[in-house]
Amino acid sequence: MTQNTPLSSRLPLPSEDVTLRVRSAAQLRARGVSAAQTSAQCLPGGPWQQILPGVYLLHPGPPTGRERLHGALLYAGRPPVSTRRAPARLAEPGYGPGEEDAYGEAMVTGVAALALYGFAAVGPLGALHRIDVLVPRTRRLRSARFVEVLRTAVMPRAVRVGEVPVAPVERALADAVAATAEASDVRRLLTEAVREGHCEPAAVVRELSEAELLGRPAVVGAVDALLAEGQAAAEARLYAMVREHGLPDPVWNVELRLPGGPRLGAVDAYWPDHAVAVELDARAPRYGVPARRRQAEEDPQWAAYAAKREQLERLGVTVVHLTPRKLREAADQQATVVRTALMAAADREPAAYVMVLPR
C-alpha cells in the first residue's frame, strides 16, 4: 500500500468481529491510515469515533460491552513510549502474530472479569459502567473514561476466557471487593464464587489478605459466610463421591475418643469396621497475615491437623486427607484413594477400639 492508494481502500471494512471494529492508532497506522486521516474520520457526523486515547471505534453508534472491553485492553496494553518501534505491516484480517500481542501484559480484572466468568451477581458485561484492567506497576498509564487502570508488582498468570486475557477468579474477586462498599454486595460475590465452583475459599481469603482487605467492615462478615459456604460445598461433594462411586456408607461428622480417655478429634466421615477416617482440609489463611509471614511462621491449625492424624494412626486408624479442590477437580481419583484404604483394612493389625460420638 502506497501513499497514492485511495483512502477508501485503506480503511477497515465493517466486520462482525469485534476485534476488527475497534482499532488502536498503531493498528491503523500499520494499514497506512495516518493520524490526520483518522482524525478526519472522527469529525462530528463521521463514520468513526475515538472512545479512548489512541483507540477508535469504526462505526458511529455506541460501543457494545465487548467493544468497550476490547478497547480497554488495547488502551492498557499499548507499549510504553520508550519501547515503541515502528509497526510492521500487518496482514488482513488480523493483526499479525496474535491479537493478544496488542494487549501486551494487560488483563481484565474486577467486576468485568467476573462478568466474563459468568457471575450472576454482577450482571451482563454491557451494563457495567467501568472496566478494570490490570497492568504491571511500572506502567505509567492513567485511567481514562470507562477504564480503571490497576497496577500490581506481580502480574498473575492470565486466564483466557474466549480470546480475552482475564485475571484468575481469586484476583478478580479481590479487585472487585476493593471497589465495593456494600457488605451485602461483597457477600453475594464471595458466596457465588464458592457455591458455583469458581474457586476455593482458602484461595479467596489468601488473595483478600494479600490485598489487605480482610479488616474492612464490609468484608469481615462476608468472609465468615464464605468459609461456611465452602465447608458446606466440600461436604456435599464428599457425600456425592461416596454415593456415586459405590463406597460403603460411613458415619458422618463424628467425634472420636478413647473409652474413658481423651477426645481424639472430629472427622468428616468414618468407617468403624475398617478404621478409616476422612478429613476435609477447609483451612483458610489466618486473617491479616501476609503470605510472606505465613510462609515463615508455623501454621498452628496445620499443626493441630498433623497431631490429630498422628495420634489416630498410632491407634491403627487410617486417616485420608482430602481438600475441597481435590474433590471438585478429581473426585474419581479421591474415591480410588478412599476405596484403597478401605480394602487395605483387612491386611492391617486390628485398630484400637475408639468410641464414635455425634459431633
Protein backbone atom coordinates (compact mmCIF):
# COMPACT_ATOMS: atom_id res chain seq x y z
CA MET A 1 0.00 0.00 0.00
CA THR A 2 1.46 3.34 -1.03
CA GLN A 3 0.69 6.95 -0.33
CA ASN A 4 -1.17 7.04 -3.66
CA THR A 5 -3.58 4.32 -2.57
CA PRO A 6 -7.08 5.84 -2.14
CA LEU A 7 -8.09 6.31 1.47
CA SER A 8 -11.27 4.28 0.94
CA SER A 9 -9.22 1.17 0.17
CA ARG A 10 -7.07 1.63 3.26
CA LEU A 11 -9.90 1.88 5.75
CA PRO A 12 -11.00 -1.29 7.56
CA LEU A 13 -14.34 -2.55 6.34
CA PRO A 14 -17.28 -3.22 8.70
CA SER A 15 -16.95 -6.62 10.31
CA GLU A 16 -18.80 -8.93 12.66
CA ASP A 17 -15.53 -9.48 14.51
CA VAL A 18 -15.36 -7.10 17.50
CA THR A 19 -11.55 -7.02 17.28
CA LEU A 20 -11.86 -5.51 13.81
CA ARG A 21 -14.42 -2.90 14.82
CA VAL A 22 -12.12 -1.39 17.45
CA ARG A 23 -8.60 -0.41 16.44
CA SER A 24 -5.66 1.29 18.07
CA ALA A 25 -3.84 4.17 16.42
CA ALA A 26 -0.86 1.85 15.85
CA GLN A 27 -3.02 -0.71 14.07
CA LEU A 28 -4.50 1.98 11.84
CA ARG A 29 -1.04 3.34 11.01
CA ALA A 30 0.03 -0.18 10.09
CA ARG A 31 -2.75 -0.15 7.50
CA GLY A 32 -1.47 3.11 6.10
CA VAL A 33 -4.07 5.35 7.75
CA SER A 34 -2.35 8.48 9.03
CA ALA A 35 -3.23 10.34 12.22
CA ALA A 36 -4.72 13.17 10.16
CA GLN A 37 -6.90 10.77 8.20
CA THR A 38 -8.04 9.09 11.41
CA SER A 39 -8.96 12.48 12.89
CA ALA A 40 -10.95 13.33 9.76
CA GLN A 41 -12.94 10.12 10.08
CA CYS A 42 -13.79 11.06 13.69
CA LEU A 43 -15.21 14.52 12.95
CA PRO A 44 -18.83 15.15 14.08
CA GLY A 45 -21.12 13.11 11.86
CA GLY A 46 -18.20 10.98 10.67
CA PRO A 47 -18.15 7.18 10.50
CA TRP A 48 -15.65 6.70 13.35
CA GLN A 49 -15.25 7.89 16.92
CA GLN A 50 -12.47 7.96 19.48
CA ILE A 51 -13.57 6.05 22.58
CA LEU A 52 -10.24 6.17 24.48
CA PRO A 53 -6.89 7.87 23.96
CA GLY A 54 -5.40 6.19 20.91
CA VAL A 55 -8.36 3.80 20.49
CA TYR A 56 -11.05 4.16 17.82
CA LEU A 57 -14.47 2.66 17.21
CA LEU A 58 -15.02 2.15 13.49
CA HIS A 59 -18.75 2.83 13.46
CA PRO A 60 -20.84 5.79 14.64
CA GLY A 61 -23.14 4.08 17.14
CA PRO A 62 -22.49 3.48 20.86
CA PRO A 63 -19.92 0.76 21.66
CA THR A 64 -21.16 -2.62 22.81
CA GLY A 65 -19.87 -4.19 26.01
CA ARG A 66 -17.44 -6.35 24.03
CA GLU A 67 -16.20 -3.35 22.07
CA ARG A 68 -15.57 -1.40 25.27
CA LEU A 69 -13.73 -4.44 26.69
CA HIS A 70 -11.54 -4.78 23.62
CA GLY A 71 -10.88 -1.03 23.59
CA ALA A 72 -9.88 -1.09 27.27
CA LEU A 73 -7.32 -3.83 26.61
CA LEU A 74 -5.93 -2.02 23.57
CA TYR A 75 -5.58 1.15 25.63
CA ALA A 76 -3.90 -0.55 28.60
CA GLY A 77 -1.84 -2.93 26.51
CA ARG A 78 -0.11 -0.40 24.29
CA PRO A 79 3.66 -0.43 24.88
CA PRO A 80 5.34 2.41 26.77
CA VAL A 81 6.53 5.27 24.56
CA SER A 82 10.18 4.45 25.31
CA THR A 83 9.83 0.94 23.88
CA ARG A 84 7.65 1.63 20.85
CA ARG A 85 9.05 0.87 17.45
CA ALA A 86 7.70 1.46 14.00
CA PRO A 87 4.93 -1.11 13.49
CA ALA A 88 5.43 -3.83 10.94
CA ARG A 89 2.95 -4.14 8.07
CA LEU A 90 0.13 -6.37 9.28
CA ALA A 91 -1.81 -8.87 7.22
CA GLU A 92 -5.58 -8.95 6.91
CA PRO A 93 -7.85 -9.74 8.63
CA GLY A 94 -5.96 -9.95 11.92
CA TYR A 95 -3.14 -8.01 13.48
CA GLY A 96 -0.21 -10.30 12.87
CA PRO A 97 1.14 -12.99 15.24
CA GLY A 98 -1.91 -12.89 17.52
CA GLU A 99 -4.47 -10.47 18.86
CA GLU A 100 -3.08 -10.95 22.36
CA ASP A 101 0.08 -9.12 21.18
CA ALA A 102 -1.96 -5.93 21.00
CA TYR A 103 -2.89 -6.34 24.67
CA GLY A 104 0.67 -6.65 25.97
CA GLU A 105 0.56 -7.84 29.59
CA ALA A 106 -2.80 -6.19 30.31
CA MET A 107 -5.70 -8.31 31.53
CA VAL A 108 -9.26 -7.67 32.63
CA THR A 109 -9.94 -7.88 36.36
CA GLY A 110 -12.56 -6.82 38.90
CA VAL A 111 -16.28 -6.88 38.16
CA ALA A 112 -15.77 -7.01 34.38
CA ALA A 113 -13.71 -10.18 34.76
CA LEU A 114 -16.40 -11.72 36.97
CA ALA A 115 -18.97 -10.93 34.27
CA LEU A 116 -16.82 -12.83 31.78
CA TYR A 117 -16.65 -15.76 34.19
CA GLY A 118 -20.45 -15.77 34.29
CA PHE A 119 -21.14 -14.38 37.77
CA ALA A 120 -24.87 -13.69 38.07
CA ALA A 121 -24.23 -11.20 40.90
CA VAL A 122 -22.56 -8.67 38.56
CA GLY A 123 -24.96 -8.73 35.63
CA PRO A 124 -24.11 -8.58 31.92
CA LEU A 125 -20.91 -7.04 30.63
CA GLY A 126 -22.73 -4.43 28.60
CA ALA A 127 -24.38 -2.98 31.72
CA LEU A 128 -21.10 -2.22 33.51
CA HIS A 129 -20.02 1.40 33.75
CA ARG A 130 -16.35 0.65 34.31
CA ILE A 131 -13.79 -1.92 33.23
CA ASP A 132 -10.83 -2.63 35.49
CA VAL A 133 -7.60 -3.55 33.71
CA LEU A 134 -4.55 -4.91 35.49
CA VAL A 135 -1.09 -3.81 34.35
CA PRO A 136 2.45 -4.02 35.77
CA ARG A 137 3.28 -1.45 38.42
CA THR A 138 5.97 0.05 36.20
CA ARG A 139 3.43 1.18 33.60
CA ARG A 140 2.89 4.95 33.61
CA LEU A 141 -0.68 4.88 32.38
CA ARG A 142 -3.67 6.82 33.68
CA SER A 143 -7.25 5.69 33.99
CA ALA A 144 -9.42 7.12 31.23
CA ARG A 145 -13.18 7.36 30.73
CA PHE A 146 -14.61 3.88 31.45
CA VAL A 147 -11.21 2.24 32.02
CA GLU A 148 -9.79 1.98 35.54
CA VAL A 149 -6.10 1.07 35.46
CA LEU A 150 -4.94 -1.08 38.39
CA ARG A 151 -1.23 -1.69 38.95
CA THR A 152 0.43 -4.63 40.64
CA ALA A 153 4.02 -5.55 41.47
CA VAL A 154 3.48 -9.18 40.46
CA MET A 155 1.24 -9.90 37.48
CA PRO A 156 -0.78 -13.10 37.83
CA ARG A 157 -0.96 -15.61 35.03
CA ALA A 158 -3.88 -14.64 32.81
CA VAL A 159 -6.76 -17.00 32.11
CA ARG A 160 -8.22 -16.99 28.59
CA VAL A 161 -11.99 -16.55 28.52
CA GLY A 162 -12.57 -16.89 24.80
CA GLU A 163 -9.82 -14.69 23.42
CA VAL A 164 -9.83 -12.26 26.34
CA PRO A 165 -6.99 -12.31 28.93
CA VAL A 166 -8.61 -12.28 32.35
CA ALA A 167 -7.17 -12.29 35.88
CA PRO A 168 -7.73 -15.52 37.85
CA VAL A 169 -11.05 -15.61 39.69
CA GLU A 170 -9.45 -15.07 43.10
CA ARG A 171 -7.60 -11.95 41.96
CA ALA A 172 -10.62 -10.61 40.08
CA LEU A 173 -12.72 -11.10 43.23
CA ALA A 174 -10.23 -9.22 45.38
CA ASP A 175 -10.16 -6.30 42.92
CA ALA A 176 -13.97 -6.29 42.76
CA VAL A 177 -14.26 -6.36 46.55
CA ALA A 178 -11.79 -3.46 46.83
CA ALA A 179 -14.18 -1.35 44.78
CA THR A 180 -17.36 -2.48 46.57
CA ALA A 181 -18.59 -0.68 49.66
CA GLU A 182 -21.81 -2.58 50.44
CA ALA A 183 -21.40 -5.63 52.70
CA SER A 184 -24.37 -7.35 51.03
CA ASP A 185 -22.75 -6.99 47.60
CA VAL A 186 -19.44 -8.36 48.86
CA ARG A 187 -21.22 -11.30 50.45
CA ARG A 188 -23.07 -12.12 47.21
CA LEU A 189 -19.86 -12.09 45.21
CA LEU A 190 -17.91 -14.31 47.61
CA THR A 191 -20.77 -16.73 48.15
CA GLU A 192 -21.38 -17.18 44.42
CA ALA A 193 -17.67 -17.75 43.82
CA VAL A 194 -17.72 -20.81 46.08
CA ARG A 195 -21.28 -22.03 45.55
CA GLU A 196 -20.86 -22.14 41.76
CA GLY A 197 -17.45 -23.82 41.98
CA HIS A 198 -15.39 -20.95 40.56
CA CYS A 199 -12.73 -21.26 43.27
CA GLU A 200 -11.97 -22.48 46.78
CA PRO A 201 -12.46 -20.36 49.91
CA ALA A 202 -8.84 -20.63 51.02
CA ALA A 203 -7.62 -19.15 47.74
CA VAL A 204 -10.08 -16.26 48.02
CA VAL A 205 -9.13 -15.45 51.61
CA ARG A 206 -5.45 -15.62 50.70
CA GLU A 207 -5.96 -13.09 47.90
CA LEU A 208 -8.05 -10.81 50.13
CA SER A 209 -5.33 -10.97 52.76
CA GLU A 210 -2.64 -10.06 50.24
CA ALA A 211 -4.75 -7.06 49.22
CA GLU A 212 -5.14 -6.09 52.92
CA LEU A 213 -8.93 -6.17 52.61
CA LEU A 214 -9.78 -8.55 55.46
CA GLY A 215 -10.09 -5.76 58.02
CA ARG A 216 -12.76 -3.86 56.12
CA PRO A 217 -16.19 -3.89 57.81
CA ALA A 218 -17.87 -4.92 54.55
CA VAL A 219 -15.56 -7.93 54.24
CA VAL A 220 -15.37 -9.43 57.75
CA GLY A 221 -18.85 -10.96 57.87
CA ALA A 222 -18.72 -11.90 54.20
CA VAL A 223 -15.58 -13.97 54.76
CA ASP A 224 -17.25 -15.90 57.58
CA ALA A 225 -20.15 -16.67 55.23
CA LEU A 226 -17.66 -17.62 52.52
CA LEU A 227 -15.91 -20.17 54.74
CA ALA A 228 -19.22 -21.66 55.87
CA GLU A 229 -20.35 -21.92 52.25
CA GLY A 230 -17.06 -23.55 51.29
CA GLN A 231 -17.32 -26.13 54.07
CA ALA A 232 -20.90 -26.98 53.07
CA ALA A 233 -19.93 -27.31 49.40
CA ALA A 234 -16.98 -29.57 50.23
CA GLU A 235 -19.16 -31.81 52.43
CA ALA A 236 -21.76 -32.05 49.65
CA ARG A 237 -19.05 -33.15 47.21
CA LEU A 238 -17.83 -35.73 49.72
CA TYR A 239 -21.37 -37.14 50.11
CA ALA A 240 -21.73 -37.26 46.31
CA MET A 241 -18.37 -39.00 45.89
CA VAL A 242 -19.31 -41.77 48.35
CA ARG A 243 -22.72 -42.26 46.73
CA GLU A 244 -21.71 -42.06 43.07
CA HIS A 245 -18.70 -44.35 43.41
CA GLY A 246 -20.47 -47.03 45.40
CA LEU A 247 -18.40 -46.73 48.57
CA PRO A 248 -19.81 -48.21 51.79
CA ASP A 249 -21.83 -45.77 53.87
CA PRO A 250 -19.74 -44.19 56.66
CA VAL A 251 -20.93 -42.40 59.75
CA TRP A 252 -20.80 -38.67 59.05
CA ASN A 253 -19.39 -35.78 61.07
CA VAL A 254 -18.42 -37.62 64.22
CA GLU A 255 -16.06 -37.19 67.17
CA LEU A 256 -13.64 -39.98 68.02
CA ARG A 257 -12.39 -40.68 71.53
CA LEU A 258 -10.80 -43.44 73.59
CA PRO A 259 -13.11 -45.18 76.09
CA GLY A 260 -12.76 -43.28 79.32
CA GLY A 261 -9.95 -41.27 77.77
CA PRO A 262 -9.35 -38.04 75.88
CA ARG A 263 -11.06 -36.95 72.70
CA LEU A 264 -9.14 -37.76 69.56
CA GLY A 265 -10.79 -35.14 67.38
CA ALA A 266 -13.53 -34.76 64.81
CA VAL A 267 -13.58 -36.32 61.34
CA ASP A 268 -15.93 -35.76 58.43
CA ALA A 269 -16.53 -39.45 57.65
CA TYR A 270 -15.62 -42.66 59.47
CA TRP A 271 -15.91 -46.35 58.62
CA PRO A 272 -15.82 -48.14 62.03
CA ASP A 273 -15.48 -51.64 60.55
CA HIS A 274 -12.43 -50.56 58.56
CA ALA A 275 -10.97 -47.97 60.96
CA VAL A 276 -10.72 -45.47 58.11
CA ALA A 277 -11.45 -41.76 58.56
CA VAL A 278 -11.76 -38.96 56.00
CA GLU A 279 -10.89 -35.43 56.97
CA LEU A 280 -11.59 -32.40 54.82
CA ASP A 281 -8.99 -29.66 54.94
CA ALA A 282 -11.00 -26.47 54.52
CA ARG A 283 -8.48 -24.30 56.31
CA ALA A 284 -8.07 -20.72 55.20
CA PRO A 285 -5.05 -18.44 55.73
CA ARG A 286 -5.09 -16.59 59.02
CA TYR A 287 -6.78 -13.22 58.73
CA GLY A 288 -4.46 -10.31 58.19
CA VAL A 289 -1.24 -12.33 57.92
CA PRO A 290 0.53 -11.67 54.60
CA ALA A 291 1.78 -14.68 52.64
CA ARG A 292 5.45 -13.95 53.33
CA ARG A 293 4.85 -14.12 57.08
CA ARG A 294 2.62 -17.16 56.75
CA GLN A 295 5.43 -18.97 55.00
CA ALA A 296 7.91 -18.03 57.70
CA GLU A 297 5.72 -18.85 60.67
CA GLU A 298 4.35 -22.17 61.81
CA ASP A 299 0.67 -22.65 60.99
CA PRO A 300 -0.97 -23.71 64.29
CA GLN A 301 -4.07 -25.00 62.51
CA TRP A 302 -1.99 -27.29 60.35
CA ALA A 303 -0.01 -28.41 63.39
CA ALA A 304 -3.29 -29.42 65.06
CA TYR A 305 -4.33 -31.38 61.96
CA ALA A 306 -1.00 -33.19 61.89
CA ALA A 307 -1.04 -34.00 65.61
CA LYS A 308 -4.56 -35.44 65.39
CA ARG A 309 -3.64 -37.55 62.37
CA GLU A 310 -0.51 -38.92 64.04
CA GLN A 311 -2.44 -39.86 67.17
CA LEU A 312 -5.17 -41.65 65.22
CA GLU A 313 -2.68 -43.52 63.08
CA ARG A 314 -0.79 -44.69 66.18
CA LEU A 315 -4.08 -46.27 67.24
CA GLY A 316 -4.40 -48.01 63.88
CA VAL A 317 -6.90 -45.61 62.29
CA THR A 318 -6.09 -44.70 58.68
CA VAL A 319 -6.74 -41.01 58.01
CA VAL A 320 -7.39 -39.95 54.42
CA HIS A 321 -6.78 -36.23 53.99
CA LEU A 322 -8.83 -34.56 51.22
CA THR A 323 -9.04 -30.95 50.12
CA PRO A 324 -12.11 -29.25 48.62
CA ARG A 325 -10.16 -28.61 45.45
CA LYS A 326 -9.28 -32.29 45.01
CA LEU A 327 -12.91 -33.25 45.48
CA ARG A 328 -14.00 -30.68 42.92
CA GLU A 329 -11.38 -31.39 40.27
CA ALA A 330 -10.55 -35.08 40.73
CA ALA A 331 -13.39 -36.86 42.57
CA ASP A 332 -12.68 -40.14 40.73
CA GLN A 333 -9.09 -40.21 41.97
CA GLN A 334 -10.12 -39.35 45.52
CA ALA A 335 -12.73 -42.13 45.52
CA THR A 336 -9.98 -44.55 44.48
CA VAL A 337 -7.80 -43.36 47.37
CA VAL A 338 -10.60 -43.97 49.88
CA ARG A 339 -11.53 -47.33 48.35
CA THR A 340 -7.89 -48.45 48.53
CA ALA A 341 -7.72 -47.51 52.21
CA LEU A 342 -10.91 -49.48 52.94
CA MET A 343 -9.65 -52.55 51.07
CA ALA A 344 -6.30 -52.42 52.87
CA ALA A 345 -8.01 -52.63 56.25
CA ALA A 346 -8.10 -56.45 56.11
CA ASP A 347 -4.30 -56.58 55.86
CA ARG A 348 -3.63 -54.35 58.84
CA GLU A 349 -3.39 -55.12 62.51
CA PRO A 350 -6.75 -54.52 64.25
CA ALA A 351 -7.09 -50.93 65.36
CA ALA A 352 -7.61 -49.91 68.95
CA TYR A 353 -11.24 -49.57 69.97
CA VAL A 354 -12.44 -46.00 69.71
CA MET A 355 -15.81 -44.54 70.59
CA VAL A 356 -17.80 -42.73 67.91
CA LEU A 357 -19.83 -39.77 69.14
CA PRO A 358 -22.03 -37.27 67.27
CA ARG A 359 -20.14 -34.08 66.56
